[in-house]
Amino acid sequence: MQCRDSQNETCGGSSSNSVYSTGFKVPGPPKSVELVRKTADSLYVRWSPPESSNGVITEYKIQLSLNFSYHPDKTRFLPKLLRFSDTTNTASINDLLPGTLYNLSIS
């Protein structure tokens, strides 16, 4: 694109970025996320597909990270990334620490 001030230069100079649209969009978030059951060291969750898939859903990802813990081994917990097929709508998350608050997201 030519600049208005100078027809001999490209706007933004040599360091400018070009942005192109591929036409692909990401799906909306899963809906109706529900904690079905919890124990001292596990969670069982269920969700429904997003209202708008914006194409084909290939997988679901669950990310789990420690928010706060009273557990003495809290430093041993590493964030979890779990992957599930596009036809799955439930997950059991095990090996959790009792007395711990987690952040869980499904995408």
PDB file of N, CA and C in Angstrom:
ATOM      1  N   MET A   1       0.843  -1.170   0.000  1.00  0.00           N
ATOM      2  CA  MET A   1       0.000   0.000   0.000  1.00  0.00           C
ATOM      3  C   MET A   1       0.894   1.241   0.000  1.00  0.00           C
ATOM      4  N   GLN A   2       0.601   2.172  -0.838  1.00  0.00           N
ATOM      5  CA  GLN A   2       1.384   3.395  -0.923  1.00  0.00           C
ATOM      6  C   GLN A   2       0.910   4.404   0.127  1.00  0.00           C
ATOM      7  N   CYS A   3       1.869   5.163   0.669  1.00  0.00           N
ATOM      8  CA  CYS A   3       1.555   6.202   1.646  1.00  0.00           C
ATOM      9  C   CYS A   3       0.991   7.423   0.945  1.00  0.00           C
ATOM     10  N   ARG A   4       0.147   8.156   1.643  1.00  0.00           N
ATOM     11  CA  ARG A   4      -0.402   9.376   1.081  1.00  0.00           C
ATOM     12  C   ARG A   4       0.666  10.445   0.909  1.00  0.00           C
ATOM     13  N   ASP A   5       1.619  10.497   1.854  1.00  0.00           N
ATOM     14  CA  ASP A   5       2.637  11.542   1.821  1.00  0.00           C
ATOM     15  C   ASP A   5       3.667  11.307   0.726  1.00  0.00           C
ATOM     16  N   SER A   6       3.926  10.066   0.404  1.00  0.00           N
ATOM     17  CA  SER A   6       4.958   9.772  -0.586  1.00  0.00           C
ATOM     18  C   SER A   6       4.532   8.570  -1.416  1.00  0.00           C
ATOM     19  N   GLN A   7       4.379   8.758  -2.696  1.00  0.00           N
ATOM     20  CA  GLN A   7       3.994   7.673  -3.583  1.00  0.00           C
ATOM     21  C   GLN A   7       5.160   6.728  -3.864  1.00  0.00           C
ATOM     22  N   ASN A   8       6.359   7.076  -3.406  1.00  0.00           N
ATOM     23  CA  ASN A   8       7.546   6.256  -3.659  1.00  0.00           C
ATOM     24  C   ASN A   8       7.893   5.337  -2.491  1.00  0.00           C
ATOM     25  N   GLU A   9       7.174   5.437  -1.355  1.00  0.00           N
ATOM     26  CA  GLU A   9       7.477   4.629  -0.179  1.00  0.00           C
ATOM     27  C   GLU A   9       6.271   3.787   0.221  1.00  0.00           C
ATOM     28  N   THR A  10       6.558   2.672   0.862  1.00  0.00           N
ATOM     29  CA  THR A  10       5.505   1.818   1.398  1.00  0.00           C
ATOM     30  C   THR A  10       5.207   2.271   2.816  1.00  0.00           C
ATOM     31  N   CYS A  11       3.937   2.367   3.166  1.00  0.00           N
ATOM     32  CA  CYS A  11       3.562   2.796   4.514  1.00  0.00           C
ATOM     33  C   CYS A  11       4.152   1.852   5.548  1.00  0.00           C
ATOM     34  N   GLY A  12       4.726   2.398   6.592  1.00  0.00           N
ATOM     35  CA  GLY A  12       5.311   1.598   7.649  1.00  0.00           C
ATOM     36  C   GLY A  12       6.769   1.273   7.403  1.00  0.00           C
ATOM     37  N   GLY A  13       7.270   1.501   6.240  1.00  0.00           N
ATOM     38  CA  GLY A  13       8.676   1.234   5.955  1.00  0.00           C
ATOM     39  C   GLY A  13       8.964  -0.244   5.808  1.00  0.00           C
ATOM     40  N   SER A  14      10.240  -0.581   5.790  1.00  0.00           N
ATOM     41  CA  SER A  14      10.657  -1.967   5.552  1.00  0.00           C
ATOM     42  C   SER A  14      10.340  -2.887   6.731  1.00  0.00           C
ATOM     43  N   SER A  15      10.057  -2.321   7.904  1.00  0.00           N
ATOM     44  CA  SER A  15       9.776  -3.160   9.076  1.00  0.00           C
ATOM     45  C   SER A  15       8.279  -3.396   9.278  1.00  0.00           C
ATOM     46  N   SER A  16       7.429  -2.922   8.377  1.00  0.00           N
ATOM     47  CA  SER A  16       5.991  -3.105   8.549  1.00  0.00           C
ATOM     48  C   SER A  16       5.596  -4.558   8.280  1.00  0.00           C
ATOM     49  N   ASN A  17       4.513  -4.964   8.914  1.00  0.00           N
ATOM     50  CA  ASN A  17       4.007  -6.325   8.751  1.00  0.00           C
ATOM     51  C   ASN A  17       2.790  -6.323   7.843  1.00  0.00           C
ATOM     52  N   SER A  18       2.623  -7.388   7.101  1.00  0.00           N
ATOM     53  CA  SER A  18       1.431  -7.574   6.288  1.00  0.00           C
ATOM     54  C   SER A  18       0.539  -8.585   6.993  1.00  0.00           C
ATOM     55  N   VAL A  19      -0.748  -8.340   6.998  1.00  0.00           N
ATOM     56  CA  VAL A  19      -1.701  -9.240   7.627  1.00  0.00           C
ATOM     57  C   VAL A  19      -2.640  -9.754   6.549  1.00  0.00           C
ATOM     58  N   TYR A  20      -2.780 -11.081   6.480  1.00  0.00           N
ATOM     59  CA  TYR A  20      -3.647 -11.705   5.492  1.00  0.00           C
ATOM     60  C   TYR A  20      -4.667 -12.570   6.212  1.00  0.00           C
ATOM     61  N   SER A  21      -5.854 -12.599   5.735  1.00  0.00           N
ATOM     62  CA  SER A  21      -6.894 -13.432   6.318  1.00  0.00           C
ATOM     63  C   SER A  21      -6.934 -14.772   5.602  1.00  0.00           C
ATOM     64  N   THR A  22      -6.922 -15.854   6.375  1.00  0.00           N
ATOM     65  CA  THR A  22      -6.989 -17.195   5.789  1.00  0.00           C
ATOM     66  C   THR A  22      -8.426 -17.676   5.647  1.00  0.00           C
ATOM     67  N   GLY A  23      -9.343 -16.978   6.297  1.00  0.00           N
ATOM     68  CA  GLY A  23     -10.737 -17.395   6.251  1.00  0.00           C
ATOM     69  C   GLY A  23     -11.098 -18.381   7.352  1.00  0.00           C
ATOM     70  N   PHE A  24     -10.125 -18.919   8.086  1.00  0.00           N
ATOM     71  CA  PHE A  24     -10.396 -19.857   9.176  1.00  0.00           C
ATOM     72  C   PHE A  24     -10.611 -19.092  10.467  1.00  0.00           C
ATOM     73  N   LYS A  25     -11.542 -19.564  11.239  1.00  0.00           N
ATOM     74  CA  LYS A  25     -11.828 -18.961  12.538  1.00  0.00           C
ATOM     75  C   LYS A  25     -11.798 -20.048  13.591  1.00  0.00           C
ATOM     76  N   VAL A  26     -11.565 -19.665  14.823  1.00  0.00           N
ATOM     77  CA  VAL A  26     -11.522 -20.647  15.915  1.00  0.00           C
ATOM     78  C   VAL A  26     -12.937 -20.921  16.407  1.00  0.00           C
ATOM     79  N   PRO A  27     -13.155 -22.116  16.957  1.00  0.00           N
ATOM     80  CA  PRO A  27     -14.482 -22.429  17.516  1.00  0.00           C
ATOM     81  C   PRO A  27     -14.780 -21.574  18.737  1.00  0.00           C
ATOM     82  N   GLY A  28     -16.064 -21.457  19.056  1.00  0.00           N
ATOM     83  CA  GLY A  28     -16.462 -20.803  20.290  1.00  0.00           C
ATOM     84  C   GLY A  28     -16.107 -21.695  21.469  1.00  0.00           C
ATOM     85  N   PRO A  29     -16.278 -21.204  22.679  1.00  0.00           N
ATOM     86  CA  PRO A  29     -15.948 -22.016  23.861  1.00  0.00           C
ATOM     87  C   PRO A  29     -16.976 -23.125  24.062  1.00  0.00           C
ATOM     88  N   PRO A  30     -16.555 -24.249  24.653  1.00  0.00           N
ATOM     89  CA  PRO A  30     -17.533 -25.279  24.998  1.00  0.00           C
ATOM     90  C   PRO A  30     -18.578 -24.684  25.937  1.00  0.00           C
ATOM     91  N   LYS A  31     -19.801 -25.158  25.811  1.00  0.00           N
ATOM     92  CA  LYS A  31     -20.855 -24.633  26.692  1.00  0.00           C
ATOM     93  C   LYS A  31     -21.236 -25.677  27.730  1.00  0.00           C
ATOM     94  N   SER A  32     -21.948 -25.255  28.718  1.00  0.00           N
ATOM     95  CA  SER A  32     -22.448 -26.126  29.777  1.00  0.00           C
ATOM     96  C   SER A  32     -21.330 -26.934  30.443  1.00  0.00           C
ATOM     97  N   VAL A  33     -20.230 -26.292  30.776  1.00  0.00           N
ATOM     98  CA  VAL A  33     -19.154 -26.979  31.501  1.00  0.00           C
ATOM     99  C   VAL A  33     -19.649 -27.241  32.922  1.00  0.00           C
ATOM    100  N   GLU A  34     -19.518 -28.499  33.353  1.00  0.00           N
ATOM    101  CA  GLU A  34     -20.081 -28.904  34.635  1.00  0.00           C
ATOM    102  C   GLU A  34     -19.101 -29.798  35.393  1.00  0.00           C
ATOM    103  N   LEU A  35     -18.930 -29.506  36.669  1.00  0.00           N
ATOM    104  CA  LEU A  35     -18.175 -30.389  37.554  1.00  0.00           C
ATOM    105  C   LEU A  35     -19.148 -31.462  38.025  1.00  0.00           C
ATOM    106  N   VAL A  36     -18.973 -32.680  37.533  1.00  0.00           N
ATOM    107  CA  VAL A  36     -19.894 -33.771  37.838  1.00  0.00           C
ATOM    108  C   VAL A  36     -19.580 -34.393  39.190  1.00  0.00           C
ATOM    109  N   ARG A  37     -18.287 -34.614  39.448  1.00  0.00           N
ATOM    110  CA  ARG A  37     -17.886 -35.272  40.688  1.00  0.00           C
ATOM    111  C   ARG A  37     -16.481 -34.826  41.064  1.00  0.00           C
ATOM    112  N   LYS A  38     -16.237 -34.740  42.357  1.00  0.00           N
ATOM    113  CA  LYS A  38     -14.889 -34.446  42.825  1.00  0.00           C
ATOM    114  C   LYS A  38     -14.573 -35.333  44.012  1.00  0.00           C
ATOM    115  N   THR A  39     -13.314 -35.720  44.121  1.00  0.00           N
ATOM    116  CA  THR A  39     -12.810 -36.440  45.279  1.00  0.00           C
ATOM    117  C   THR A  39     -11.617 -35.651  45.796  1.00  0.00           C
ATOM    118  N   ALA A  40     -10.946 -36.161  46.791  1.00  0.00           N
ATOM    119  CA  ALA A  40      -9.775 -35.467  47.351  1.00  0.00           C
ATOM    120  C   ALA A  40      -8.660 -35.333  46.321  1.00  0.00           C
ATOM    121  N   ASP A  41      -8.597 -36.272  45.348  1.00  0.00           N
ATOM    122  CA  ASP A  41      -7.485 -36.218  44.387  1.00  0.00           C
ATOM    123  C   ASP A  41      -7.910 -36.350  42.920  1.00  0.00           C
ATOM    124  N   SER A  42      -9.198 -36.079  42.614  1.00  0.00           N
ATOM    125  CA  SER A  42      -9.627 -36.158  41.213  1.00  0.00           C
ATOM    126  C   SER A  42     -10.841 -35.270  40.947  1.00  0.00           C
ATOM    127  N   LEU A  43     -11.039 -34.953  39.676  1.00  0.00           N
ATOM    128  CA  LEU A  43     -12.202 -34.213  39.200  1.00  0.00           C
ATOM    129  C   LEU A  43     -12.777 -34.944  37.998  1.00  0.00           C
ATOM    130  N   TYR A  44     -14.094 -34.900  37.851  1.00  0.00           N
ATOM    131  CA  TYR A  44     -14.751 -35.453  36.680  1.00  0.00           C
ATOM    132  C   TYR A  44     -15.614 -34.337  36.103  1.00  0.00           C
ATOM    133  N   VAL A  45     -15.337 -33.924  34.868  1.00  0.00           N
ATOM    134  CA  VAL A  45     -16.038 -32.797  34.248  1.00  0.00           C
ATOM    135  C   VAL A  45     -16.740 -33.246  32.972  1.00  0.00           C
ATOM    136  N   ARG A  46     -17.780 -32.467  32.612  1.00  0.00           N
ATOM    137  CA  ARG A  46     -18.546 -32.735  31.396  1.00  0.00           C
ATOM    138  C   ARG A  46     -18.820 -31.392  30.711  1.00  0.00           C
ATOM    139  N   TRP A  47     -18.903 -31.398  29.384  1.00  0.00           N
ATOM    140  CA  TRP A  47     -19.187 -30.184  28.633  1.00  0.00           C
ATOM    141  C   TRP A  47     -19.976 -30.531  27.382  1.00  0.00           C
ATOM    142  N   SER A  48     -20.529 -29.510  26.756  1.00  0.00           N
ATOM    143  CA  SER A  48     -21.239 -29.651  25.485  1.00  0.00           C
ATOM    144  C   SER A  48     -20.443 -28.928  24.404  1.00  0.00           C
ATOM    145  N   PRO A  49     -20.617 -29.328  23.143  1.00  0.00           N
ATOM    146  CA  PRO A  49     -19.911 -28.632  22.058  1.00  0.00           C
ATOM    147  C   PRO A  49     -20.295 -27.148  22.016  1.00  0.00           C
ATOM    148  N   PRO A  50     -19.437 -26.322  21.437  1.00  0.00           N
ATOM    149  CA  PRO A  50     -19.752 -24.892  21.351  1.00  0.00           C
ATOM    150  C   PRO A  50     -20.968 -24.643  20.462  1.00  0.00           C
ATOM    151  N   GLU A  51     -21.633 -23.523  20.700  1.00  0.00           N
ATOM    152  CA  GLU A  51     -22.769 -23.156  19.863  1.00  0.00           C
ATOM    153  C   GLU A  51     -22.333 -22.926  18.429  1.00  0.00           C
ATOM    154  N   SER A  52     -21.142 -22.357  18.255  1.00  0.00           N
ATOM    155  CA  SER A  52     -20.616 -22.092  16.920  1.00  0.00           C
ATOM    156  C   SER A  52     -19.258 -22.765  16.783  1.00  0.00           C
ATOM    157  N   SER A  53     -19.192 -23.757  15.893  1.00  0.00           N
ATOM    158  CA  SER A  53     -17.920 -24.466  15.724  1.00  0.00           C
ATOM    159  C   SER A  53     -16.985 -23.734  14.763  1.00  0.00           C
ATOM    160  N   ASN A  54     -17.530 -22.853  13.918  1.00  0.00           N
ATOM    161  CA  ASN A  54     -16.713 -22.121  12.928  1.00  0.00           C
ATOM    162  C   ASN A  54     -15.827 -23.063  12.115  1.00  0.00           C
ATOM    163  N   GLY A  55     -16.364 -24.194  11.753  1.00  0.00           N
ATOM    164  CA  GLY A  55     -15.589 -25.174  11.000  1.00  0.00           C
ATOM    165  C   GLY A  55     -15.601 -26.509  11.711  1.00  0.00           C
ATOM    166  N   VAL A  56     -14.520 -27.238  11.620  1.00  0.00           N
ATOM    167  CA  VAL A  56     -14.427 -28.576  12.186  1.00  0.00           C
ATOM    168  C   VAL A  56     -13.662 -28.538  13.506  1.00  0.00           C
ATOM    169  N   ILE A  57     -14.240 -29.127  14.543  1.00  0.00           N
ATOM    170  CA  ILE A  57     -13.535 -29.267  15.818  1.00  0.00           C
ATOM    171  C   ILE A  57     -12.709 -30.541  15.730  1.00  0.00           C
ATOM    172  N   THR A  58     -11.411 -30.437  15.966  1.00  0.00           N
ATOM    173  CA  THR A  58     -10.529 -31.601  15.860  1.00  0.00           C
ATOM    174  C   THR A  58     -10.193 -32.206  17.217  1.00  0.00           C
ATOM    175  N   GLU A  59     -10.262 -31.403  18.284  1.00  0.00           N
ATOM    176  CA  GLU A  59      -9.961 -31.906  19.618  1.00  0.00           C
ATOM    177  C   GLU A  59     -10.422 -30.895  20.651  1.00  0.00           C
ATOM    178  N   TYR A  60     -10.484 -31.373  21.898  1.00  0.00           N
ATOM    179  CA  TYR A  60     -10.698 -30.505  23.049  1.00  0.00           C
ATOM    180  C   TYR A  60      -9.442 -30.552  23.900  1.00  0.00           C
ATOM    181  N   LYS A  61      -9.111 -29.425  24.506  1.00  0.00           N
ATOM    182  CA  LYS A  61      -7.956 -29.352  25.398  1.00  0.00           C
ATOM    183  C   LYS A  61      -8.432 -28.911  26.775  1.00  0.00           C
ATOM    184  N   ILE A  62      -7.923 -29.586  27.792  1.00  0.00           N
ATOM    185  CA  ILE A  62      -8.169 -29.172  29.173  1.00  0.00           C
ATOM    186  C   ILE A  62      -6.833 -28.740  29.758  1.00  0.00           C
ATOM    187  N   GLN A  63      -6.811 -27.520  30.283  1.00  0.00           N
ATOM    188  CA  GLN A  63      -5.619 -27.006  30.949  1.00  0.00           C
ATOM    189  C   GLN A  63      -5.952 -26.851  32.423  1.00  0.00           C
ATOM    190  N   LEU A  64      -5.063 -27.378  33.254  1.00  0.00           N
ATOM    191  CA  LEU A  64      -5.272 -27.338  34.691  1.00  0.00           C
ATOM    192  C   LEU A  64      -4.008 -26.808  35.353  1.00  0.00           C
ATOM    193  N   SER A  65      -4.169 -25.771  36.152  1.00  0.00           N
ATOM    194  CA  SER A  65      -3.018 -25.214  36.860  1.00  0.00           C
ATOM    195  C   SER A  65      -3.391 -24.994  38.326  1.00  0.00           C
ATOM    196  N   LEU A  66      -2.388 -25.039  39.173  1.00  0.00           N
ATOM    197  CA  LEU A  66      -2.577 -24.861  40.607  1.00  0.00           C
ATOM    198  C   LEU A  66      -2.751 -23.372  40.903  1.00  0.00           C
ATOM    199  N   ASN A  67      -3.793 -23.049  41.628  1.00  0.00           N
ATOM    200  CA  ASN A  67      -4.038 -21.664  42.024  1.00  0.00           C
ATOM    201  C   ASN A  67      -3.526 -21.416  43.438  1.00  0.00           C
ATOM    202  N   PHE A  68      -3.903 -22.292  44.378  1.00  0.00           N
ATOM    203  CA  PHE A  68      -3.476 -22.168  45.771  1.00  0.00           C
ATOM    204  C   PHE A  68      -3.556 -23.545  46.409  1.00  0.00           C
ATOM    205  N   SER A  69      -2.618 -23.858  47.308  1.00  0.00           N
ATOM    206  CA  SER A  69      -2.633 -25.168  47.943  1.00  0.00           C
ATOM    207  C   SER A  69      -2.097 -25.116  49.368  1.00  0.00           C
ATOM    208  N   TYR A  70      -2.729 -25.913  50.230  1.00  0.00           N
ATOM    209  CA  TYR A  70      -2.224 -26.145  51.576  1.00  0.00           C
ATOM    210  C   TYR A  70      -1.366 -27.402  51.623  1.00  0.00           C
ATOM    211  N   HIS A  71      -1.343 -28.147  50.536  1.00  0.00           N
ATOM    212  CA  HIS A  71      -0.649 -29.440  50.513  1.00  0.00           C
ATOM    213  C   HIS A  71       0.863 -29.245  50.612  1.00  0.00           C
ATOM    214  N   PRO A  72       1.556 -30.056  51.428  1.00  0.00           N
ATOM    215  CA  PRO A  72       3.011 -29.891  51.579  1.00  0.00           C
ATOM    216  C   PRO A  72       3.803 -30.196  50.302  1.00  0.00           C
ATOM    217  N   ASP A  73       3.240 -30.960  49.389  1.00  0.00           N
ATOM    218  CA  ASP A  73       3.933 -31.290  48.134  1.00  0.00           C
ATOM    219  C   ASP A  73       3.498 -30.406  46.967  1.00  0.00           C
ATOM    220  N   LYS A  74       2.963 -29.227  47.253  1.00  0.00           N
ATOM    221  CA  LYS A  74       2.428 -28.377  46.184  1.00  0.00           C
ATOM    222  C   LYS A  74       3.476 -27.999  45.139  1.00  0.00           C
ATOM    223  N   THR A  75       4.749 -27.996  45.500  1.00  0.00           N
ATOM    224  CA  THR A  75       5.778 -27.626  44.514  1.00  0.00           C
ATOM    225  C   THR A  75       6.009 -28.721  43.483  1.00  0.00           C
ATOM    226  N   ARG A  76       5.513 -29.940  43.744  1.00  0.00           N
ATOM    227  CA  ARG A  76       5.693 -31.029  42.779  1.00  0.00           C
ATOM    228  C   ARG A  76       4.632 -31.010  41.675  1.00  0.00           C
ATOM    229  N   PHE A  77       3.561 -30.230  41.859  1.00  0.00           N
ATOM    230  CA  PHE A  77       2.492 -30.217  40.860  1.00  0.00           C
ATOM    231  C   PHE A  77       2.879 -29.340  39.679  1.00  0.00           C
ATOM    232  N   LEU A  78       2.834 -29.908  38.493  1.00  0.00           N
ATOM    233  CA  LEU A  78       3.080 -29.167  37.261  1.00  0.00           C
ATOM    234  C   LEU A  78       1.763 -28.975  36.530  1.00  0.00           C
ATOM    235  N   PRO A  79       1.599 -27.866  35.820  1.00  0.00           N
ATOM    236  CA  PRO A  79       0.363 -27.677  35.047  1.00  0.00           C
ATOM    237  C   PRO A  79       0.126 -28.854  34.108  1.00  0.00           C
ATOM    238  N   LYS A  80      -1.142 -29.195  33.932  1.00  0.00           N
ATOM    239  CA  LYS A  80      -1.505 -30.313  33.060  1.00  0.00           C
ATOM    240  C   LYS A  80      -2.152 -29.787  31.795  1.00  0.00           C
ATOM    241  N   LEU A  81      -1.833 -30.425  30.671  1.00  0.00           N
ATOM    242  CA  LEU A  81      -2.515 -30.188  29.408  1.00  0.00           C
ATOM    243  C   LEU A  81      -2.980 -31.539  28.909  1.00  0.00           C
ATOM    244  N   LEU A  82      -4.281 -31.721  28.889  1.00  0.00           N
ATOM    245  CA  LEU A  82      -4.876 -32.985  28.464  1.00  0.00           C
ATOM    246  C   LEU A  82      -5.602 -32.759  27.145  1.00  0.00           C
ATOM    247  N   ARG A  83      -5.483 -33.696  26.235  1.00  0.00           N
ATOM    248  CA  ARG A  83      -6.129 -33.593  24.922  1.00  0.00           C
ATOM    249  C   ARG A  83      -7.120 -34.735  24.753  1.00  0.00           C
ATOM    250  N   PHE A  84      -8.276 -34.398  24.171  1.00  0.00           N
ATOM    251  CA  PHE A  84      -9.338 -35.367  23.970  1.00  0.00           C
ATOM    252  C   PHE A  84      -9.876 -35.241  22.548  1.00  0.00           C
ATOM    253  N   SER A  85     -10.405 -36.331  22.031  1.00  0.00           N
ATOM    254  CA  SER A  85     -10.934 -36.317  20.667  1.00  0.00           C
ATOM    255  C   SER A  85     -12.154 -35.405  20.571  1.00  0.00           C
ATOM    256  N   ASP A  86     -12.502 -35.055  19.355  1.00  0.00           N
ATOM    257  CA  ASP A  86     -13.641 -34.163  19.117  1.00  0.00           C
ATOM    258  C   ASP A  86     -14.974 -34.791  19.525  1.00  0.00           C
ATOM    259  N   THR A  87     -15.029 -36.111  19.696  1.00  0.00           N
ATOM    260  CA  THR A  87     -16.269 -36.781  20.082  1.00  0.00           C
ATOM    261  C   THR A  87     -16.396 -36.966  21.592  1.00  0.00           C
ATOM    262  N   THR A  88     -15.382 -36.586  22.339  1.00  0.00           N
ATOM    263  CA  THR A  88     -15.389 -36.721  23.796  1.00  0.00           C
ATOM    264  C   THR A  88     -16.035 -35.502  24.430  1.00  0.00           C
ATOM    265  N   ASN A  89     -16.848 -35.725  25.465  1.00  0.00           N
ATOM    266  CA  ASN A  89     -17.422 -34.588  26.190  1.00  0.00           C
ATOM    267  C   ASN A  89     -17.340 -34.769  27.705  1.00  0.00           C
ATOM    268  N   THR A  90     -16.498 -35.718  28.157  1.00  0.00           N
ATOM    269  CA  THR A  90     -16.260 -35.909  29.586  1.00  0.00           C
ATOM    270  C   THR A  90     -14.776 -36.175  29.814  1.00  0.00           C
ATOM    271  N   ALA A  91     -14.327 -35.887  31.029  1.00  0.00           N
ATOM    272  CA  ALA A  91     -12.923 -36.144  31.357  1.00  0.00           C
ATOM    273  C   ALA A  91     -12.783 -36.392  32.846  1.00  0.00           C
ATOM    274  N   SER A  92     -11.927 -37.346  33.161  1.00  0.00           N
ATOM    275  CA  SER A  92     -11.541 -37.610  34.528  1.00  0.00           C
ATOM    276  C   SER A  92     -10.107 -37.116  34.698  1.00  0.00           C
ATOM    277  N   ILE A  93      -9.889 -36.248  35.661  1.00  0.00           N
ATOM    278  CA  ILE A  93      -8.565 -35.672  35.892  1.00  0.00           C
ATOM    279  C   ILE A  93      -8.090 -36.184  37.246  1.00  0.00           C
ATOM    280  N   ASN A  94      -7.038 -36.968  37.219  1.00  0.00           N
ATOM    281  CA  ASN A  94      -6.571 -37.667  38.415  1.00  0.00           C
ATOM    282  C   ASN A  94      -5.225 -37.141  38.890  1.00  0.00           C
ATOM    283  N   ASP A  95      -4.745 -37.703  39.995  1.00  0.00           N
ATOM    284  CA  ASP A  95      -3.447 -37.373  40.577  1.00  0.00           C
ATOM    285  C   ASP A  95      -3.371 -35.906  40.998  1.00  0.00           C
ATOM    286  N   LEU A  96      -4.456 -35.420  41.602  1.00  0.00           N
ATOM    287  CA  LEU A  96      -4.487 -34.043  42.099  1.00  0.00           C
ATOM    288  C   LEU A  96      -4.123 -34.030  43.573  1.00  0.00           C
ATOM    289  N   LEU A  97      -3.797 -32.855  44.069  1.00  0.00           N
ATOM    290  CA  LEU A  97      -3.383 -32.704  45.470  1.00  0.00           C
ATOM    291  C   LEU A  97      -4.580 -32.314  46.337  1.00  0.00           C
ATOM    292  N   PRO A  98      -4.828 -33.025  47.438  1.00  0.00           N
ATOM    293  CA  PRO A  98      -5.896 -32.615  48.355  1.00  0.00           C
ATOM    294  C   PRO A  98      -5.600 -31.223  48.935  1.00  0.00           C
ATOM    295  N   GLY A  99      -6.660 -30.493  49.276  1.00  0.00           N
ATOM    296  CA  GLY A  99      -6.487 -29.178  49.875  1.00  0.00           C
ATOM    297  C   GLY A  99      -5.963 -28.139  48.895  1.00  0.00           C
ATOM    298  N   THR A 100      -6.322 -28.293  47.611  1.00  0.00           N
ATOM    299  CA  THR A 100      -5.773 -27.421  46.573  1.00  0.00           C
ATOM    300  C   THR A 100      -6.885 -26.824  45.725  1.00  0.00           C
ATOM    301  N   LEU A 101      -6.719 -25.571  45.359  1.00  0.00           N
ATOM    302  CA  LEU A 101      -7.625 -24.876  44.461  1.00  0.00           C
ATOM    303  C   LEU A 101      -6.960 -24.820  43.086  1.00  0.00           C
ATOM    304  N   TYR A 102      -7.692 -25.267  42.061  1.00  0.00           N
ATOM    305  CA  TYR A 102      -7.157 -25.316  40.699  1.00  0.00           C
ATOM    306  C   TYR A 102      -7.911 -24.380  39.765  1.00  0.00           C
ATOM    307  N   ASN A 103      -7.251 -23.944  38.708  1.00  0.00           N
ATOM    308  CA  ASN A 103      -7.878 -23.268  37.578  1.00  0.00           C
ATOM    309  C   ASN A 103      -7.980 -24.292  36.461  1.00  0.00           C
ATOM    310  N   LEU A 104      -9.194 -24.467  35.916  1.00  0.00           N
ATOM    311  CA  LEU A 104      -9.416 -25.426  34.849  1.00  0.00           C
ATOM    312  C   LEU A 104     -10.058 -24.694  33.678  1.00  0.00           C
ATOM    313  N   SER A 105      -9.543 -24.915  32.478  1.00  0.00           N
ATOM    314  CA  SER A 105     -10.174 -24.344  31.291  1.00  0.00           C
ATOM    315  C   SER A 105     -10.274 -25.418  30.219  1.00  0.00           C
ATOM    316  N   ILE A 106     -11.363 -25.356  29.462  1.00  0.00           N
ATOM    317  CA  ILE A 106     -11.613 -26.289  28.370  1.00  0.00           C
ATOM    318  C   ILE A 106     -11.737 -25.477  27.100  1.00  0.00           C
ATOM    319  N   SER A 107     -11.004 -25.878  26.086  1.00  0.00           N
ATOM    320  CA  SER A 107     -11.084 -25.189  24.789  1.00  0.00           C
ATOM    321  C   SER A 107     -11.085 -26.203  23.673  1.00  0.00           C
TER     322      SER A 107
END
